[in-house]
Amino acid sequence: MAERTRALQASKEQLRDKIIARSRELKVLNTIAELTTAARKLPDILPDVLQQALRVVPARGAAVYLLREQPPRLELVYEENAQCLIPLLPFDGGSCNALIEGEVSNLGESLKEAACGHMSFFAGNEHQNCLNVPLCCRGKVLGVVTFSEVHHAGIQPEVHELLFSIG
């Protein structure tokens, strides 16, 4: 009987911890939604959005790349504790099929894969472990948010879903 009581107590504590985590994630998502719908310019909201996202992602830093058209490229527009990133990366949207089907061998390819609409992870040296999430609006990829110095194994599936929602 005591063993069953301990098991029930442990189960109850796990459930409580999950509820607390989901509540924190929903609060972050709500705050980000409020920031993005405020009548402010994009450069004004990026620091706040990244700080909110870093509350739920086990990463040291984060950055935002935006897709630019002429010439086609991914351009680093804001970073928070992520100094080891590529500032400018040529990007051809026509290469998405090859990128998605191939092996990611460097950070640039991983960023481009996210720009094609797929979350990607690149494991380089300890300062280059990056989780890259596409930034989308109305079905169109506008850029990439990257989380640096992240341990991919430490990110629960629920956080992956949250990151897609943030993106």
Protein backbone atom coordinates (compact mmCIF):
# COMPACT_ATOMS: atom_id res chain seq x y z
CA MET A 1 0.00 0.00 0.00
CA ALA A 2 2.82 2.43 0.86
CA GLU A 3 4.52 1.68 -2.44
CA ARG A 4 1.34 2.45 -4.40
CA THR A 5 0.89 5.66 -2.45
CA ARG A 6 4.47 6.73 -3.32
CA ALA A 7 3.89 5.87 -6.99
CA LEU A 8 0.69 7.90 -7.04
CA GLN A 9 2.43 10.81 -5.34
CA ALA A 10 5.28 10.70 -7.87
CA SER A 11 2.78 10.58 -10.74
CA LYS A 12 0.90 13.52 -9.25
CA GLU A 13 4.14 15.54 -8.98
CA GLN A 14 5.07 14.76 -12.60
CA LEU A 15 1.65 15.88 -13.76
CA ARG A 16 1.92 19.09 -11.72
CA ASP A 17 5.35 19.81 -13.23
CA LYS A 18 3.98 19.29 -16.75
CA ILE A 19 1.05 21.61 -16.06
CA ILE A 20 3.43 24.28 -14.76
CA ALA A 21 5.63 23.90 -17.84
CA ARG A 22 2.65 24.11 -20.24
CA SER A 23 1.36 27.15 -18.38
CA ARG A 24 4.75 28.86 -18.72
CA GLU A 25 4.86 27.99 -22.44
CA LEU A 26 1.35 29.35 -23.02
CA LYS A 27 2.24 32.54 -21.19
CA VAL A 28 5.29 32.98 -23.42
CA LEU A 29 3.23 32.31 -26.55
CA ASN A 30 0.59 34.79 -25.42
CA THR A 31 3.22 37.44 -24.67
CA ILE A 32 4.83 36.94 -28.08
CA ALA A 33 1.40 37.22 -29.75
CA GLU A 34 0.80 40.49 -27.92
CA LEU A 35 4.22 41.81 -28.97
CA THR A 36 3.71 40.93 -32.63
CA THR A 37 0.26 42.48 -32.84
CA ALA A 38 1.32 45.73 -31.18
CA ALA A 39 1.65 48.70 -33.51
CA ARG A 40 5.46 48.61 -33.46
CA LYS A 41 8.03 48.00 -36.16
CA LEU A 42 9.66 44.58 -36.44
CA PRO A 43 13.12 45.72 -35.22
CA ASP A 44 11.44 47.08 -32.09
CA ILE A 45 9.81 43.78 -31.11
CA LEU A 46 12.61 41.31 -31.95
CA PRO A 47 14.55 41.74 -28.67
CA ASP A 48 11.41 41.14 -26.60
CA VAL A 49 10.29 38.16 -28.71
CA LEU A 50 13.70 36.47 -28.45
CA GLN A 51 13.90 37.05 -24.71
CA GLN A 52 10.47 35.47 -24.28
CA ALA A 53 11.40 32.48 -26.44
CA LEU A 54 14.61 31.95 -24.47
CA ARG A 55 12.48 31.45 -21.35
CA VAL A 56 11.27 28.08 -22.68
CA VAL A 57 14.15 26.94 -24.90
CA PRO A 58 17.30 25.57 -23.24
CA ALA A 59 19.68 27.74 -25.26
CA ARG A 60 22.28 30.37 -24.46
CA GLY A 61 21.24 32.74 -27.23
CA ALA A 62 18.96 33.33 -30.17
CA ALA A 63 18.88 35.29 -33.39
CA VAL A 64 16.54 36.24 -36.21
CA TYR A 65 17.34 36.03 -39.91
CA LEU A 66 15.01 37.59 -42.46
CA LEU A 67 14.73 36.53 -46.08
CA ARG A 68 15.65 39.38 -48.41
CA GLU A 69 14.91 39.38 -52.12
CA GLN A 70 17.52 41.45 -53.95
CA PRO A 71 19.89 39.69 -53.93
CA PRO A 72 18.20 36.60 -52.42
CA ARG A 73 19.72 36.03 -49.00
CA LEU A 74 19.20 35.34 -45.31
CA GLU A 75 20.25 38.40 -43.34
CA LEU A 76 20.97 38.39 -39.61
CA VAL A 77 18.88 41.27 -38.23
CA TYR A 78 19.04 40.70 -34.48
CA GLU A 79 20.90 38.46 -32.05
CA GLU A 80 20.79 37.93 -28.32
CA ASN A 81 23.92 36.19 -26.90
CA ALA A 82 24.61 34.51 -30.26
CA GLN A 83 27.73 36.14 -31.63
CA CYS A 84 29.11 33.15 -33.59
CA LEU A 85 26.51 33.26 -36.37
CA ILE A 86 26.81 33.93 -40.09
CA PRO A 87 25.76 37.57 -40.74
CA LEU A 88 24.71 37.10 -44.38
CA LEU A 89 23.94 33.93 -46.30
CA PRO A 90 23.03 33.69 -50.00
CA PHE A 91 19.78 31.74 -50.39
CA ASP A 92 18.12 30.28 -53.46
CA GLY A 93 14.60 29.06 -52.67
CA GLY A 94 14.81 26.76 -55.71
CA SER A 95 17.35 24.60 -53.89
CA CYS A 96 14.94 23.58 -51.12
CA ASN A 97 14.29 20.03 -52.34
CA ALA A 98 17.99 19.19 -52.45
CA LEU A 99 18.57 20.79 -49.03
CA ILE A 100 15.74 18.93 -47.35
CA GLU A 101 16.67 15.56 -48.85
CA GLY A 102 20.42 15.92 -48.23
CA GLU A 103 22.57 15.70 -45.12
CA VAL A 104 23.13 18.95 -43.25
CA SER A 105 26.90 19.38 -42.98
CA ASN A 106 27.23 22.97 -41.78
CA LEU A 107 25.37 25.79 -40.07
CA GLY A 108 24.63 27.58 -43.35
CA GLU A 109 22.85 24.52 -44.79
CA SER A 110 20.89 24.12 -41.56
CA LEU A 111 19.74 27.75 -41.72
CA LYS A 112 18.77 27.33 -45.36
CA GLU A 113 16.80 24.18 -44.53
CA ALA A 114 14.80 26.19 -42.00
CA ALA A 115 14.30 28.91 -44.63
CA CYS A 116 12.70 26.16 -46.74
CA GLY A 117 10.11 25.67 -43.99
CA HIS A 118 11.61 22.78 -41.98
CA MET A 119 12.93 22.93 -38.44
CA SER A 120 16.58 21.86 -38.45
CA PHE A 121 19.35 21.20 -35.97
CA PHE A 122 23.07 21.58 -36.58
CA ALA A 123 25.55 20.05 -34.15
CA GLY A 124 28.90 21.74 -34.63
CA ASN A 125 31.27 22.68 -31.85
CA GLU A 126 29.71 23.58 -28.50
CA HIS A 127 29.20 27.19 -29.61
CA GLN A 128 27.59 26.20 -32.91
CA ASN A 129 24.85 23.80 -31.81
CA CYS A 130 21.87 25.57 -33.34
CA LEU A 131 18.19 24.78 -33.57
CA ASN A 132 16.67 26.65 -36.52
CA VAL A 133 12.94 27.35 -36.77
CA PRO A 134 11.21 28.82 -39.82
CA LEU A 135 9.41 32.13 -39.32
CA CYS A 136 6.17 31.98 -41.27
CA CYS A 137 3.20 34.20 -41.92
CA ARG A 138 0.16 33.06 -43.91
CA GLY A 139 2.02 30.03 -45.25
CA LYS A 140 5.04 31.99 -46.46
CA VAL A 141 8.50 31.68 -44.89
CA LEU A 142 9.80 35.14 -43.97
CA GLY A 143 12.97 34.11 -42.16
CA VAL A 144 14.50 31.91 -39.49
CA VAL A 145 14.89 32.12 -35.73
CA THR A 146 17.94 30.25 -34.52
CA PHE A 147 18.70 29.17 -30.97
CA SER A 148 22.43 28.87 -30.30
CA GLU A 149 24.36 26.71 -27.87
CA VAL A 150 21.33 24.49 -27.50
CA HIS A 151 21.30 20.82 -26.51
CA HIS A 152 18.81 19.25 -28.89
CA ALA A 153 18.23 16.22 -26.64
CA GLY A 154 17.12 18.59 -23.86
CA ILE A 155 14.21 19.93 -25.91
CA GLN A 156 10.98 18.07 -25.23
CA PRO A 157 8.50 17.39 -28.09
CA GLU A 158 6.10 19.92 -26.54
CA VAL A 159 8.75 22.63 -26.91
CA HIS A 160 9.17 21.72 -30.60
CA GLU A 161 5.45 22.35 -31.08
CA LEU A 162 5.73 25.64 -29.18
CA LEU A 163 8.64 26.70 -31.40
CA PHE A 164 6.59 26.03 -34.54
CA SER A 165 3.82 28.14 -33.02
CA ILE A 166 6.22 30.96 -32.22
CA GLY A 167 7.65 30.76 -35.76
